[in-house]
N, C-alpha and C. Protein backbone atom coordinates (compact mmCIF):
# COMPACT_ATOMS: atom_id res chain seq x y z
N MET A 1 -14.06 -30.08 10.24
CA MET A 1 -13.45 -31.46 10.42
C MET A 1 -12.07 -31.49 10.37
N LYS A 2 -11.44 -30.29 9.80
CA LYS A 2 -9.81 -30.73 9.93
C LYS A 2 -9.34 -30.65 11.31
N ILE A 3 -10.17 -29.70 12.29
CA ILE A 3 -9.57 -29.24 13.74
C ILE A 3 -9.94 -30.81 14.47
N ILE A 4 -10.71 -31.31 14.13
CA ILE A 4 -11.19 -32.67 14.94
C ILE A 4 -10.01 -33.67 14.46
N TYR A 5 -9.90 -33.79 13.23
CA TYR A 5 -8.46 -34.71 12.74
C TYR A 5 -7.29 -34.07 13.87
N ILE A 6 -7.01 -33.15 13.70
CA ILE A 6 -6.03 -32.62 14.44
C ILE A 6 -5.87 -32.80 16.14
N LEU A 7 -7.07 -32.48 16.39
CA LEU A 7 -7.42 -32.93 17.93
C LEU A 7 -7.17 -34.23 18.18
N LEU A 8 -7.69 -35.21 17.32
CA LEU A 8 -7.63 -36.29 17.77
C LEU A 8 -5.86 -36.83 17.41
N GLY A 9 -5.31 -36.45 16.52
CA GLY A 9 -3.85 -36.83 16.31
C GLY A 9 -3.22 -36.30 17.39
N VAL A 10 -3.30 -34.87 17.98
CA VAL A 10 -2.70 -34.39 19.40
C VAL A 10 -2.85 -35.54 20.17
N ILE A 11 -4.25 -36.02 20.82
CA ILE A 11 -4.43 -36.86 21.72
C ILE A 11 -3.89 -38.06 21.57
N VAL A 12 -3.71 -38.54 20.56
CA VAL A 12 -3.12 -39.99 20.17
C VAL A 12 -1.88 -39.53 20.54
N ILE A 13 -1.04 -38.84 20.00
CA ILE A 13 0.45 -38.67 20.16
C ILE A 13 0.66 -38.37 21.56
N GLY A 14 -0.25 -37.42 22.38
CA GLY A 14 -0.06 -37.54 23.68
C GLY A 14 -0.22 -38.68 24.41
N ALA A 15 -0.95 -39.69 23.94
CA ALA A 15 -1.35 -40.88 24.82
C ALA A 15 -0.18 -41.84 24.82
N PHE A 16 0.16 -41.81 23.51
CA PHE A 16 1.58 -42.54 23.18
C PHE A 16 2.83 -42.05 23.94
N SER A 17 2.79 -40.73 24.08
CA SER A 17 4.18 -40.12 24.70
C SER A 17 4.06 -40.55 25.97
N LEU A 18 2.54 -40.44 26.82
CA LEU A 18 2.69 -40.81 28.23
C LEU A 18 3.05 -42.18 28.39
N LEU A 19 2.36 -43.15 27.42
CA LEU A 19 2.61 -44.86 27.68
C LEU A 19 4.40 -45.08 27.51
N TYR A 20 5.19 -44.24 26.78
CA TYR A 20 6.18 -44.37 26.36
C TYR A 20 7.21 -43.81 27.62
N GLN A 21 6.48 -42.64 28.35
CA GLN A 21 7.33 -42.25 29.53
C GLN A 21 7.06 -43.13 30.86
N ARG A 22 5.84 -43.65 30.74
CA ARG A 22 5.64 -44.89 31.74
C ARG A 22 6.53 -46.14 31.62
N TYR A 23 6.70 -46.47 30.29
CA TYR A 23 7.65 -47.76 29.90
C TYR A 23 9.12 -47.55 30.68
N ARG A 24 9.30 -46.23 30.21
CA ARG A 24 10.80 -45.76 30.45
C ARG A 24 11.10 -45.91 31.84
N ARG A 25 10.30 -45.32 32.56
CA ARG A 25 10.15 -45.18 34.45
C ARG A 25 10.26 -46.75 34.83
N LYS A 26 9.21 -47.29 34.28
CA LYS A 26 9.34 -48.58 34.89
C LYS A 26 10.51 -49.65 34.58
N LYS A 27 11.22 -49.50 33.12
CA LYS A 27 12.33 -49.82 33.03
C LYS A 27 13.57 -49.77 33.77
N ALA A 28 13.77 -48.17 33.99
CA ALA A 28 14.75 -47.85 34.59
C ALA A 28 14.61 -48.21 36.35
N LEU A 29 13.25 -48.53 36.74
CA LEU A 29 13.09 -48.92 38.11
C LEU A 29 13.56 -50.28 38.00
N LEU A 30 13.18 -50.95 37.11
CA LEU A 30 13.57 -52.70 37.07
C LEU A 30 15.02 -52.53 37.16
N VAL A 31 15.93 -51.76 36.48
CA VAL A 31 17.30 -51.82 36.60
C VAL A 31 17.64 -51.22 37.81
N VAL A 32 17.43 -50.40 38.23
CA VAL A 32 17.87 -50.02 39.69
C VAL A 32 17.08 -51.45 40.61
N GLN A 33 16.23 -52.01 40.65
CA GLN A 33 15.71 -52.94 41.45
C GLN A 33 17.04 -54.14 41.63
N ALA A 34 17.15 -54.30 40.25
CA ALA A 34 17.97 -55.34 40.14
C ALA A 34 19.53 -55.40 40.64
N ALA A 35 20.23 -54.01 40.09
CA ALA A 35 21.44 -53.71 40.92
C ALA A 35 21.38 -53.77 42.60
N SER A 36 19.96 -53.13 43.13
CA SER A 36 19.92 -53.43 44.57
C SER A 36 19.56 -54.59 44.92
N LYS A 37 18.93 -55.28 44.17
CA LYS A 37 18.88 -56.74 44.76
C LYS A 37 20.25 -57.69 44.72
N LYS A 38 20.96 -57.40 43.37
CA LYS A 38 22.46 -58.15 43.36
C LYS A 38 23.20 -57.99 44.61
N ILE A 39 23.35 -56.47 44.86
CA ILE A 39 24.12 -56.10 46.13
C ILE A 39 23.75 -56.63 47.51
N THR A 40 22.40 -56.60 47.53
CA THR A 40 21.71 -56.96 49.11
C THR A 40 21.83 -58.60 49.30
N ASP A 41 21.85 -59.26 47.83
CA ASP A 41 22.02 -60.73 47.91
C ASP A 41 23.33 -60.87 48.13
N GLU A 42 24.27 -60.32 47.78
CA GLU A 42 25.84 -60.40 48.01
C GLU A 42 25.78 -60.18 49.86
N ALA A 43 25.47 -58.89 50.35
CA ALA A 43 25.59 -58.61 51.54
C ALA A 43 25.16 -59.80 52.29
N LEU A 44 23.75 -60.13 52.25
CA LEU A 44 23.41 -61.23 53.24
C LEU A 44 24.31 -62.59 52.92
N ALA A 45 24.74 -62.95 51.72
CA ALA A 45 25.39 -64.21 51.68
C ALA A 45 26.71 -63.94 52.67
N TYR A 46 27.13 -62.69 52.51
CA TYR A 46 28.56 -62.72 53.40
C TYR A 46 28.22 -62.65 54.82
N CYS A 47 26.89 -62.14 55.48
CA CYS A 47 26.52 -62.06 56.50
C CYS A 47 26.21 -63.96 57.22
N LEU A 48 25.65 -64.32 56.24
CA LEU A 48 25.12 -65.80 56.58
C LEU A 48 26.48 -66.46 56.83
N GLN A 49 27.67 -66.35 55.82
CA GLN A 49 28.54 -66.90 55.84
C GLN A 49 29.78 -66.58 57.21
N GLU A 50 29.57 -65.08 57.44
CA GLU A 50 30.10 -64.74 58.49
C GLU A 50 29.67 -65.34 59.97
N LEU A 51 28.29 -65.57 59.97
CA LEU A 51 27.77 -65.90 60.97
C LEU A 51 27.72 -67.53 61.29
N GLY A 52 28.33 -68.04 60.19
CA GLY A 52 28.29 -69.60 60.30
C GLY A 52 27.26 -70.09 60.30
N MET A 53 26.20 -69.61 59.75
CA MET A 53 24.74 -70.17 59.42
C MET A 53 25.12 -71.42 58.38
N ASP A 54 24.34 -72.71 58.62
CA ASP A 54 24.34 -73.37 57.55
C ASP A 54 23.34 -73.25 56.18
N PHE A 55 23.76 -73.02 54.95
CA PHE A 55 22.88 -72.85 54.03
C PHE A 55 23.63 -73.04 52.80
N SER A 56 22.95 -73.98 51.92
CA SER A 56 23.30 -74.82 50.82
C SER A 56 23.76 -73.79 49.58
N ASP A 57 22.91 -72.94 49.30
CA ASP A 57 22.86 -71.64 48.37
C ASP A 57 22.48 -70.54 48.98
N VAL A 58 23.03 -69.35 48.09
CA VAL A 58 22.56 -68.13 48.66
C VAL A 58 20.86 -68.11 48.54
N PRO A 59 20.44 -67.48 49.39
CA PRO A 59 18.93 -67.71 49.11
C PRO A 59 18.27 -66.77 48.38
N ASN A 60 17.33 -67.21 47.66
CA ASN A 60 16.82 -66.35 46.47
C ASN A 60 15.69 -65.12 47.18
N SER A 61 16.05 -63.83 46.98
CA SER A 61 15.20 -63.03 47.68
C SER A 61 13.85 -62.60 46.53
N HIS A 62 12.85 -61.92 47.09
CA HIS A 62 11.60 -61.59 46.47
C HIS A 62 11.80 -60.11 46.84
N VAL A 63 11.46 -59.10 45.72
CA VAL A 63 11.11 -58.02 45.91
C VAL A 63 9.76 -57.77 46.71
N ILE A 64 9.69 -56.90 48.02
CA ILE A 64 8.43 -56.59 48.47
C ILE A 64 7.75 -55.45 48.32
N SER A 65 8.55 -54.76 47.33
CA SER A 65 7.84 -53.55 46.89
C SER A 65 6.69 -53.62 46.19
N ASP A 66 6.47 -54.76 45.58
CA ASP A 66 5.08 -55.06 45.13
C ASP A 66 3.86 -54.79 46.41
N VAL A 67 4.12 -54.77 47.41
CA VAL A 67 3.00 -54.64 48.00
C VAL A 67 2.94 -53.43 48.92
N TRP A 68 4.45 -52.72 49.19
CA TRP A 68 4.66 -51.30 49.72
C TRP A 68 4.63 -50.22 48.80
N GLY A 69 4.80 -50.64 47.39
CA GLY A 69 4.86 -49.46 46.59
C GLY A 69 6.16 -49.65 45.63
N LYS A 70 5.86 -48.14 45.06
CA LYS A 70 7.13 -48.42 43.59
C LYS A 70 7.98 -47.86 44.26
N GLY A 71 9.52 -48.53 43.78
CA GLY A 71 10.73 -47.64 44.43
C GLY A 71 11.38 -48.36 45.85
N VAL A 72 10.51 -48.97 46.43
CA VAL A 72 10.94 -49.48 47.71
C VAL A 72 12.02 -50.65 47.69
N MET A 73 13.14 -50.47 48.04
CA MET A 73 14.30 -51.38 47.78
C MET A 73 14.26 -52.65 49.15
N ALA A 74 13.30 -53.20 48.90
CA ALA A 74 13.21 -54.06 50.19
C ALA A 74 13.02 -55.67 49.83
N PHE A 75 13.80 -56.42 50.10
CA PHE A 75 13.86 -57.82 49.67
C PHE A 75 13.45 -58.81 50.78
N GLU A 76 12.54 -59.88 50.47
CA GLU A 76 12.63 -60.99 51.35
C GLU A 76 13.12 -62.03 51.24
N TYR A 77 13.82 -62.76 52.11
CA TYR A 77 14.63 -63.81 52.15
C TYR A 77 14.42 -65.06 52.84
N GLN A 78 13.87 -66.41 52.18
CA GLN A 78 13.66 -67.18 53.34
C GLN A 78 14.64 -68.36 53.14
N ILE A 79 14.90 -68.90 54.39
CA ILE A 79 16.14 -69.73 54.70
C ILE A 79 15.72 -70.71 55.63
N LYS A 80 15.92 -72.16 54.85
CA LYS A 80 15.45 -73.36 56.01
C LYS A 80 16.57 -73.36 57.12
N VAL A 81 16.14 -73.42 58.39
CA VAL A 81 17.21 -73.72 59.41
C VAL A 81 16.83 -74.67 60.05
N LYS A 82 17.51 -75.27 61.28
CA LYS A 82 17.58 -76.26 61.81
C LYS A 82 17.18 -75.82 63.45
N ASP A 83 18.37 -75.58 63.99
CA ASP A 83 18.33 -75.17 65.36
C ASP A 83 18.27 -73.77 65.87
N LEU A 84 16.90 -73.40 65.44
CA LEU A 84 16.79 -71.90 65.80
C LEU A 84 15.19 -71.63 66.39
N ASN A 85 15.36 -70.63 67.43
CA ASN A 85 14.22 -70.56 68.00
C ASN A 85 13.57 -69.22 68.31
N ARG A 86 12.63 -68.74 68.50
CA ARG A 86 12.15 -67.64 68.23
C ARG A 86 12.73 -66.39 69.40
N ASN A 87 13.15 -67.06 70.38
CA ASN A 87 13.92 -66.32 71.50
C ASN A 87 15.31 -65.70 70.71
N SER A 88 16.00 -66.53 70.04
CA SER A 88 17.14 -65.94 69.57
C SER A 88 16.88 -64.95 68.24
N LEU A 89 15.89 -64.74 67.91
CA LEU A 89 15.65 -63.84 66.48
C LEU A 89 16.16 -62.23 67.08
N LYS A 90 16.10 -61.67 68.10
CA LYS A 90 16.57 -60.45 68.06
C LYS A 90 17.80 -60.30 68.25
N SER A 91 18.28 -61.23 68.59
CA SER A 91 20.03 -61.00 69.03
C SER A 91 20.48 -61.27 67.48
N LEU A 92 19.83 -62.49 66.51
CA LEU A 92 20.10 -62.69 65.40
C LEU A 92 20.07 -61.63 64.47
N GLU A 93 19.08 -60.78 64.55
CA GLU A 93 18.85 -59.51 63.59
C GLU A 93 19.95 -58.66 63.90
N MET A 94 20.38 -58.40 65.36
CA MET A 94 21.47 -57.26 65.67
C MET A 94 22.61 -57.84 65.16
N ALA A 95 22.73 -59.12 64.95
CA ALA A 95 24.26 -59.37 64.62
C ALA A 95 24.21 -59.48 62.81
N ILE A 96 23.01 -59.87 62.26
CA ILE A 96 23.06 -59.52 60.81
C ILE A 96 23.12 -57.85 60.60
N ASN A 97 22.36 -57.09 61.24
CA ASN A 97 22.65 -55.80 61.27
C ASN A 97 24.20 -55.23 61.30
N ASP A 98 25.00 -55.72 62.28
CA ASP A 98 26.29 -55.49 62.20
C ASP A 98 27.12 -56.00 61.50
N LYS A 99 26.94 -57.15 61.00
CA LYS A 99 27.62 -57.68 59.65
C LYS A 99 27.02 -57.06 57.99
N LEU A 100 26.12 -56.75 58.15
CA LEU A 100 25.54 -55.60 56.80
C LEU A 100 26.11 -54.56 57.05
N SER A 101 26.23 -53.72 58.23
CA SER A 101 27.13 -52.44 58.24
C SER A 101 28.63 -52.52 57.82
N TYR A 102 29.27 -53.84 58.49
CA TYR A 102 30.56 -53.99 58.11
C TYR A 102 30.72 -54.19 56.68
N PHE A 103 29.85 -55.07 56.08
CA PHE A 103 29.84 -55.28 54.50
C PHE A 103 29.77 -54.13 53.95
N ALA A 104 29.14 -53.00 54.27
CA ALA A 104 29.11 -51.61 53.49
C ALA A 104 30.03 -50.86 53.66
N GLN A 105 30.67 -51.10 54.51
CA GLN A 105 32.02 -50.36 55.16
C GLN A 105 32.91 -50.66 54.09
N GLN A 106 33.03 -52.11 53.99
CA GLN A 106 34.54 -52.68 53.38
C GLN A 106 34.15 -52.38 51.89
N LYS A 107 32.69 -52.28 51.19
CA LYS A 107 32.52 -52.19 49.75
C LYS A 107 32.37 -50.36 49.78
N GLU A 108 32.47 -49.91 50.66
CA GLU A 108 32.64 -48.12 50.51
C GLU A 108 31.25 -48.10 49.78
N LEU A 109 29.98 -48.82 50.40
CA LEU A 109 28.59 -48.25 49.92
C LEU A 109 27.98 -46.98 50.57
N VAL A 110 27.18 -46.11 50.03
CA VAL A 110 26.81 -45.04 50.53
C VAL A 110 25.52 -44.91 50.39
N GLY A 111 24.48 -44.74 51.25
CA GLY A 111 23.13 -44.98 51.35
C GLY A 111 22.64 -43.56 51.13
N TYR A 112 21.28 -43.56 51.13
CA TYR A 112 20.71 -42.41 50.99
C TYR A 112 20.84 -41.38 52.40
N LEU A 113 20.65 -41.91 53.38
CA LEU A 113 21.00 -40.76 54.38
C LEU A 113 22.61 -40.82 54.71
N GLU A 114 23.14 -39.77 54.78
CA GLU A 114 24.42 -39.54 54.93
C GLU A 114 25.02 -40.23 56.09
N LYS A 115 24.19 -40.16 57.17
CA LYS A 115 24.47 -40.79 58.54
C LYS A 115 23.80 -41.68 59.11
N GLY A 116 23.92 -43.04 58.83
CA GLY A 116 23.23 -44.04 58.94
C GLY A 116 23.51 -45.45 57.94
N PRO A 117 22.94 -46.47 58.46
CA PRO A 117 22.93 -47.60 57.57
C PRO A 117 22.57 -47.79 56.12
N ILE A 118 23.16 -48.60 55.56
CA ILE A 118 22.45 -48.70 54.20
C ILE A 118 21.77 -49.94 54.06
N PHE A 119 21.97 -50.87 54.70
CA PHE A 119 21.25 -51.95 54.82
C PHE A 119 20.52 -52.02 56.37
N VAL A 120 19.55 -52.56 56.30
CA VAL A 120 18.80 -52.81 57.73
C VAL A 120 17.64 -54.16 57.39
N VAL A 121 18.04 -54.64 58.62
CA VAL A 121 16.94 -55.79 58.64
C VAL A 121 15.45 -55.14 59.05
N SER A 122 14.71 -55.09 58.27
CA SER A 122 13.28 -54.45 58.48
C SER A 122 12.40 -55.32 59.17
N ASP A 123 12.50 -56.74 59.14
CA ASP A 123 11.73 -57.56 59.80
C ASP A 123 12.47 -58.78 59.88
N ILE A 124 12.01 -59.63 60.77
CA ILE A 124 12.47 -61.20 61.04
C ILE A 124 11.86 -61.94 61.51
N TRP A 125 11.44 -63.08 61.12
CA TRP A 125 10.33 -63.96 61.67
C TRP A 125 10.89 -65.44 61.64
N LEU A 126 10.14 -66.40 62.33
CA LEU A 126 10.50 -67.86 62.10
C LEU A 126 9.20 -68.54 62.00
N GLN A 127 8.87 -69.18 61.00
CA GLN A 127 7.65 -69.85 60.52
C GLN A 127 7.93 -71.33 60.50
N GLU A 128 7.55 -72.22 61.22
CA GLU A 128 8.07 -73.58 61.30
C GLU A 128 9.59 -73.47 61.09
N ASP A 129 10.15 -74.20 60.13
CA ASP A 129 11.73 -74.32 60.08
C ASP A 129 12.49 -73.30 58.93
N ILE A 130 11.55 -72.18 58.53
CA ILE A 130 11.65 -71.13 57.72
C ILE A 130 11.95 -70.10 58.13
N LEU A 131 13.36 -69.49 58.21
CA LEU A 131 13.69 -68.06 58.63
C LEU A 131 13.42 -66.92 57.57
N HIS A 132 12.67 -66.03 57.98
CA HIS A 132 12.20 -64.91 56.78
C HIS A 132 12.90 -63.66 57.17
N ILE A 133 13.45 -63.19 56.60
CA ILE A 133 14.21 -62.11 56.82
C ILE A 133 14.22 -60.84 55.51
N ASP A 134 13.58 -59.57 55.92
CA ASP A 134 13.32 -58.77 55.03
C ASP A 134 14.43 -57.60 55.34
N ILE A 135 15.14 -57.39 54.16
CA ILE A 135 16.75 -56.59 54.61
C ILE A 135 15.94 -55.35 53.37
N SER A 136 15.90 -53.99 53.86
CA SER A 136 15.89 -52.90 53.29
C SER A 136 17.38 -52.33 52.85
N HIS A 137 17.46 -51.94 51.52
CA HIS A 137 18.45 -51.31 51.11
C HIS A 137 18.00 -49.57 51.07
N LEU A 138 18.79 -48.98 51.65
CA LEU A 138 18.39 -47.55 52.23
C LEU A 138 18.98 -46.72 50.79
N VAL A 139 18.44 -46.77 49.75
CA VAL A 139 19.13 -45.78 48.63
C VAL A 139 18.27 -44.92 47.80
N ASN A 140 17.11 -44.96 48.77
CA ASN A 140 15.81 -43.66 48.09
C ASN A 140 14.77 -43.33 49.07
N GLN A 141 14.41 -42.37 48.99
CA GLN A 141 13.40 -41.84 50.14
C GLN A 141 12.02 -42.90 50.24
N ALA A 142 11.83 -43.55 49.18
CA ALA A 142 10.65 -44.54 49.31
C ALA A 142 10.90 -45.64 50.41
N THR A 143 12.21 -46.09 50.10
CA THR A 143 12.88 -47.41 51.13
C THR A 143 12.98 -46.41 52.45
N VAL A 144 13.32 -45.31 52.82
CA VAL A 144 13.39 -44.91 53.94
C VAL A 144 11.99 -44.49 54.44
N SER A 145 10.87 -44.19 53.79
CA SER A 145 9.64 -44.19 54.35
C SER A 145 9.10 -45.32 54.61
N TYR A 146 9.42 -46.36 53.77
CA TYR A 146 8.99 -47.64 54.09
C TYR A 146 9.47 -48.50 55.55
N LEU A 147 10.55 -47.80 55.72
CA LEU A 147 11.29 -48.64 56.89
C LEU A 147 10.99 -47.89 58.27
N LYS A 148 10.52 -46.71 57.96
CA LYS A 148 9.92 -45.82 58.97
C LYS A 148 8.22 -46.51 59.34
N ASP A 149 7.87 -46.78 58.36
CA ASP A 149 6.28 -47.40 58.66
C ASP A 149 6.50 -48.83 59.11
N MET A 150 7.33 -49.39 58.91
CA MET A 150 7.63 -50.66 59.82
C MET A 150 7.98 -50.39 60.77
N ARG A 151 8.66 -49.66 61.14
CA ARG A 151 9.22 -49.33 62.71
C ARG A 151 7.86 -48.89 63.40
N THR A 152 7.29 -48.01 62.97
CA THR A 152 5.82 -47.35 63.66
C THR A 152 4.76 -48.90 63.92
N LEU A 153 4.78 -49.66 62.76
CA LEU A 153 3.93 -50.74 62.99
C LEU A 153 4.52 -51.66 64.04
N GLU A 154 5.64 -52.13 64.08
CA GLU A 154 6.26 -52.79 65.26
C GLU A 154 5.85 -51.99 66.44
N LYS A 155 5.87 -50.69 66.57
CA LYS A 155 5.61 -50.18 68.07
C LYS A 155 4.33 -50.14 68.22
N ASN A 156 3.36 -50.43 67.32
CA ASN A 156 1.93 -50.40 67.60
C ASN A 156 1.27 -51.83 67.96
N ASN A 157 2.13 -52.65 67.58
CA ASN A 157 1.83 -54.13 67.76
C ASN A 157 2.35 -54.70 68.90
């Protein structure tokens, strides 16, 4: 009987240990996501200002890693626009990527990849009068893999 109590004790302690480790990992991920979100929000606000786009407030971003997996530092922005058409999206994407690159250089930000951008517009589309921009903050392998998957999807469609 004593052995059963010892085994139950070990199982309970092991379960609590695993739950605590999971809690700490999740909390650490949320801290990293918050820091990534903050700098990405700042970068997009800079881009919009530099491009002279009319926006009343810094657009609120949403983490899109809930769909693509844990650790992906990619954020979706929705911006109400007036005079923008689908034909100008590619040039707007290129302009935003240029401004994001300049912002990163000025802030001396370093990404996961030594040679390559730290911010990338991973998707951009227009729905009615709302411009949707997904920006990836390339600071870990999960985000780099996400971006690679997005590029593969774009090529296949």
